[in-house]
Amino acid sequence: MGGADDEPTGIRCRLDDLLAERSMTLTELSERVGISIVNLSVLKNDRARAIRFSTLVAICDALGCEVGDLLVRA
């Protein structure tokens, strides 16, 4: 059986939607914010358990969005 890490957080990341709306790839976002594709992929696939505020700000700056556009209640 899965542990606590397998349980839903109640937060959904809309990174995939925001990238698609901007015709931006994960690779391009990774280069712009200096975050590895692997770590962005974890976030994009809703597998992240936590995120630093500095990471949120960097992603939102690169996408021209607000935190509430990126993270929503599931």
N, C-alpha and C. Protein backbone atom coordinates (compact mmCIF):
# COMPACT_ATOMS: atom_id res chain seq x y z
N MET A 1 0.83 -1.19 0.00
CA MET A 1 0.00 0.00 0.00
C MET A 1 0.87 1.26 0.00
N GLY A 2 0.33 2.34 -0.55
CA GLY A 2 1.07 3.58 -0.61
C GLY A 2 1.09 4.30 0.72
N GLY A 3 2.09 5.14 0.89
CA GLY A 3 2.21 5.93 2.11
C GLY A 3 1.56 7.28 1.95
N ALA A 4 1.87 8.16 2.87
CA ALA A 4 1.28 9.50 2.87
C ALA A 4 1.64 10.27 1.60
N ASP A 5 2.80 9.97 0.99
CA ASP A 5 3.21 10.68 -0.22
C ASP A 5 2.31 10.38 -1.41
N ASP A 6 1.54 9.31 -1.33
CA ASP A 6 0.66 8.94 -2.44
C ASP A 6 -0.72 9.61 -2.32
N GLU A 7 -0.99 10.22 -1.19
CA GLU A 7 -2.31 10.82 -0.97
C GLU A 7 -2.39 12.18 -1.66
N PRO A 8 -3.56 12.51 -2.20
CA PRO A 8 -3.72 13.80 -2.87
C PRO A 8 -3.52 14.97 -1.90
N THR A 9 -2.99 16.07 -2.41
CA THR A 9 -2.72 17.23 -1.57
C THR A 9 -3.91 18.18 -1.52
N GLY A 10 -4.84 18.03 -2.45
CA GLY A 10 -5.95 18.98 -2.55
C GLY A 10 -5.59 20.19 -3.38
N ILE A 11 -4.38 20.20 -3.93
CA ILE A 11 -3.91 21.29 -4.79
C ILE A 11 -3.57 20.70 -6.16
N ARG A 12 -4.02 21.38 -7.21
CA ARG A 12 -3.69 20.94 -8.56
C ARG A 12 -2.85 22.02 -9.23
N CYS A 13 -1.81 21.59 -9.92
CA CYS A 13 -0.95 22.52 -10.65
C CYS A 13 -1.41 22.59 -12.10
N ARG A 14 -1.63 23.80 -12.59
CA ARG A 14 -2.09 24.02 -13.96
C ARG A 14 -0.95 24.34 -14.91
N LEU A 15 0.26 23.89 -14.60
CA LEU A 15 1.42 24.22 -15.41
C LEU A 15 1.24 23.79 -16.86
N ASP A 16 0.71 22.59 -17.08
CA ASP A 16 0.49 22.09 -18.43
C ASP A 16 -0.42 23.04 -19.23
N ASP A 17 -1.52 23.46 -18.60
CA ASP A 17 -2.47 24.36 -19.26
C ASP A 17 -1.81 25.70 -19.59
N LEU A 18 -1.07 26.24 -18.64
CA LEU A 18 -0.45 27.55 -18.83
C LEU A 18 0.63 27.50 -19.91
N LEU A 19 1.39 26.41 -19.95
CA LEU A 19 2.39 26.24 -21.00
C LEU A 19 1.72 26.18 -22.37
N ALA A 20 0.65 25.40 -22.46
CA ALA A 20 -0.06 25.25 -23.74
C ALA A 20 -0.63 26.59 -24.21
N GLU A 21 -1.21 27.35 -23.28
CA GLU A 21 -1.78 28.66 -23.62
C GLU A 21 -0.72 29.61 -24.17
N ARG A 22 0.52 29.42 -23.74
CA ARG A 22 1.61 30.32 -24.15
C ARG A 22 2.50 29.69 -25.22
N SER A 23 2.13 28.51 -25.69
CA SER A 23 2.94 27.78 -26.69
C SER A 23 4.39 27.68 -26.24
N MET A 24 4.57 27.37 -24.96
CA MET A 24 5.90 27.26 -24.38
C MET A 24 6.14 25.80 -23.97
N THR A 25 7.36 25.34 -24.18
CA THR A 25 7.69 23.98 -23.78
C THR A 25 8.23 23.96 -22.37
N LEU A 26 8.22 22.78 -21.78
CA LEU A 26 8.80 22.61 -20.45
C LEU A 26 10.29 22.93 -20.48
N THR A 27 10.93 22.57 -21.58
CA THR A 27 12.37 22.85 -21.75
C THR A 27 12.62 24.36 -21.74
N GLU A 28 11.79 25.10 -22.46
CA GLU A 28 11.95 26.56 -22.51
C GLU A 28 11.73 27.17 -21.13
N LEU A 29 10.70 26.71 -20.43
CA LEU A 29 10.45 27.22 -19.08
C LEU A 29 11.63 26.90 -18.16
N SER A 30 12.15 25.69 -18.28
CA SER A 30 13.29 25.27 -17.48
C SER A 30 14.48 26.21 -17.68
N GLU A 31 14.73 26.56 -18.93
CA GLU A 31 15.85 27.46 -19.25
C GLU A 31 15.59 28.86 -18.69
N ARG A 32 14.37 29.32 -18.75
CA ARG A 32 14.04 30.67 -18.29
C ARG A 32 14.13 30.81 -16.77
N VAL A 33 13.73 29.76 -16.04
CA VAL A 33 13.68 29.88 -14.59
C VAL A 33 14.84 29.21 -13.87
N GLY A 34 15.65 28.44 -14.60
CA GLY A 34 16.79 27.77 -13.98
C GLY A 34 16.39 26.63 -13.07
N ILE A 35 15.30 25.96 -13.39
CA ILE A 35 14.82 24.81 -12.63
C ILE A 35 14.87 23.61 -13.57
N SER A 36 15.33 22.48 -13.07
CA SER A 36 15.49 21.31 -13.93
C SER A 36 14.15 20.85 -14.51
N ILE A 37 14.23 20.25 -15.69
CA ILE A 37 13.03 19.71 -16.33
C ILE A 37 12.40 18.65 -15.43
N VAL A 38 13.23 17.86 -14.78
CA VAL A 38 12.72 16.81 -13.88
C VAL A 38 11.86 17.42 -12.78
N ASN A 39 12.37 18.47 -12.13
CA ASN A 39 11.60 19.11 -11.05
C ASN A 39 10.34 19.79 -11.57
N LEU A 40 10.41 20.41 -12.73
CA LEU A 40 9.20 21.01 -13.31
C LEU A 40 8.19 19.94 -13.69
N SER A 41 8.68 18.81 -14.16
CA SER A 41 7.80 17.70 -14.53
C SER A 41 7.06 17.15 -13.30
N VAL A 42 7.76 17.06 -12.18
CA VAL A 42 7.13 16.62 -10.93
C VAL A 42 5.99 17.57 -10.57
N LEU A 43 6.24 18.85 -10.72
CA LEU A 43 5.21 19.86 -10.43
C LEU A 43 4.05 19.74 -11.43
N LYS A 44 4.38 19.63 -12.70
CA LYS A 44 3.38 19.56 -13.77
C LYS A 44 2.46 18.36 -13.61
N ASN A 45 3.02 17.26 -13.14
CA ASN A 45 2.25 16.02 -13.01
C ASN A 45 1.60 15.86 -11.63
N ASP A 46 1.54 16.95 -10.88
CA ASP A 46 0.89 16.96 -9.56
C ASP A 46 1.50 15.95 -8.59
N ARG A 47 2.81 15.77 -8.66
CA ARG A 47 3.49 14.87 -7.73
C ARG A 47 4.31 15.62 -6.69
N ALA A 48 4.31 16.94 -6.80
CA ALA A 48 5.06 17.75 -5.84
C ALA A 48 4.32 17.79 -4.51
N ARG A 49 5.07 17.71 -3.41
CA ARG A 49 4.49 17.79 -2.07
C ARG A 49 4.67 19.18 -1.49
N ALA A 50 5.61 19.94 -2.04
CA ALA A 50 5.91 21.30 -1.55
C ALA A 50 6.59 22.07 -2.67
N ILE A 51 6.58 23.38 -2.56
CA ILE A 51 7.26 24.23 -3.53
C ILE A 51 7.75 25.49 -2.82
N ARG A 52 8.97 25.89 -3.13
CA ARG A 52 9.51 27.12 -2.53
C ARG A 52 8.82 28.34 -3.12
N PHE A 53 8.64 29.35 -2.30
CA PHE A 53 8.05 30.59 -2.78
C PHE A 53 8.88 31.17 -3.92
N SER A 54 10.20 31.09 -3.81
CA SER A 54 11.07 31.64 -4.86
C SER A 54 10.85 30.92 -6.19
N THR A 55 10.56 29.62 -6.13
CA THR A 55 10.27 28.85 -7.34
C THR A 55 8.94 29.29 -7.93
N LEU A 56 7.94 29.47 -7.08
CA LEU A 56 6.64 29.95 -7.54
C LEU A 56 6.76 31.29 -8.24
N VAL A 57 7.49 32.20 -7.64
CA VAL A 57 7.67 33.54 -8.21
C VAL A 57 8.37 33.45 -9.56
N ALA A 58 9.41 32.63 -9.65
CA ALA A 58 10.15 32.49 -10.91
C ALA A 58 9.27 31.93 -12.02
N ILE A 59 8.47 30.91 -11.70
CA ILE A 59 7.58 30.32 -12.70
C ILE A 59 6.51 31.32 -13.12
N CYS A 60 5.92 31.99 -12.14
CA CYS A 60 4.87 32.98 -12.46
C CYS A 60 5.43 34.14 -13.28
N ASP A 61 6.65 34.58 -12.97
CA ASP A 61 7.28 35.65 -13.76
C ASP A 61 7.48 35.20 -15.20
N ALA A 62 7.98 33.98 -15.38
CA ALA A 62 8.25 33.47 -16.71
C ALA A 62 6.97 33.27 -17.52
N LEU A 63 5.89 32.91 -16.83
CA LEU A 63 4.62 32.65 -17.53
C LEU A 63 3.71 33.87 -17.57
N GLY A 64 4.09 34.92 -16.85
CA GLY A 64 3.26 36.12 -16.79
C GLY A 64 1.91 35.84 -16.16
N CYS A 65 1.94 35.10 -15.06
CA CYS A 65 0.68 34.74 -14.39
C CYS A 65 0.80 34.97 -12.88
N GLU A 66 -0.28 34.77 -12.19
CA GLU A 66 -0.32 34.86 -10.74
C GLU A 66 -0.27 33.45 -10.14
N VAL A 67 0.09 33.36 -8.87
CA VAL A 67 0.15 32.06 -8.19
C VAL A 67 -1.20 31.33 -8.29
N GLY A 68 -2.30 32.09 -8.17
CA GLY A 68 -3.62 31.50 -8.24
C GLY A 68 -3.98 30.97 -9.63
N ASP A 69 -3.25 31.41 -10.65
CA ASP A 69 -3.44 30.84 -12.00
C ASP A 69 -2.73 29.50 -12.11
N LEU A 70 -1.64 29.36 -11.37
CA LEU A 70 -0.81 28.16 -11.44
C LEU A 70 -1.31 27.06 -10.50
N LEU A 71 -1.63 27.43 -9.28
CA LEU A 71 -2.08 26.45 -8.28
C LEU A 71 -3.54 26.68 -7.93
N VAL A 72 -4.34 25.64 -8.06
CA VAL A 72 -5.77 25.74 -7.73
C VAL A 72 -6.17 24.60 -6.82
N ARG A 73 -7.27 24.79 -6.09
CA ARG A 73 -7.80 23.71 -5.24
C ARG A 73 -8.33 22.62 -6.14
N ALA A 74 -8.00 21.39 -5.80
CA ALA A 74 -8.44 20.25 -6.60
C ALA A 74 -9.87 19.89 -6.28
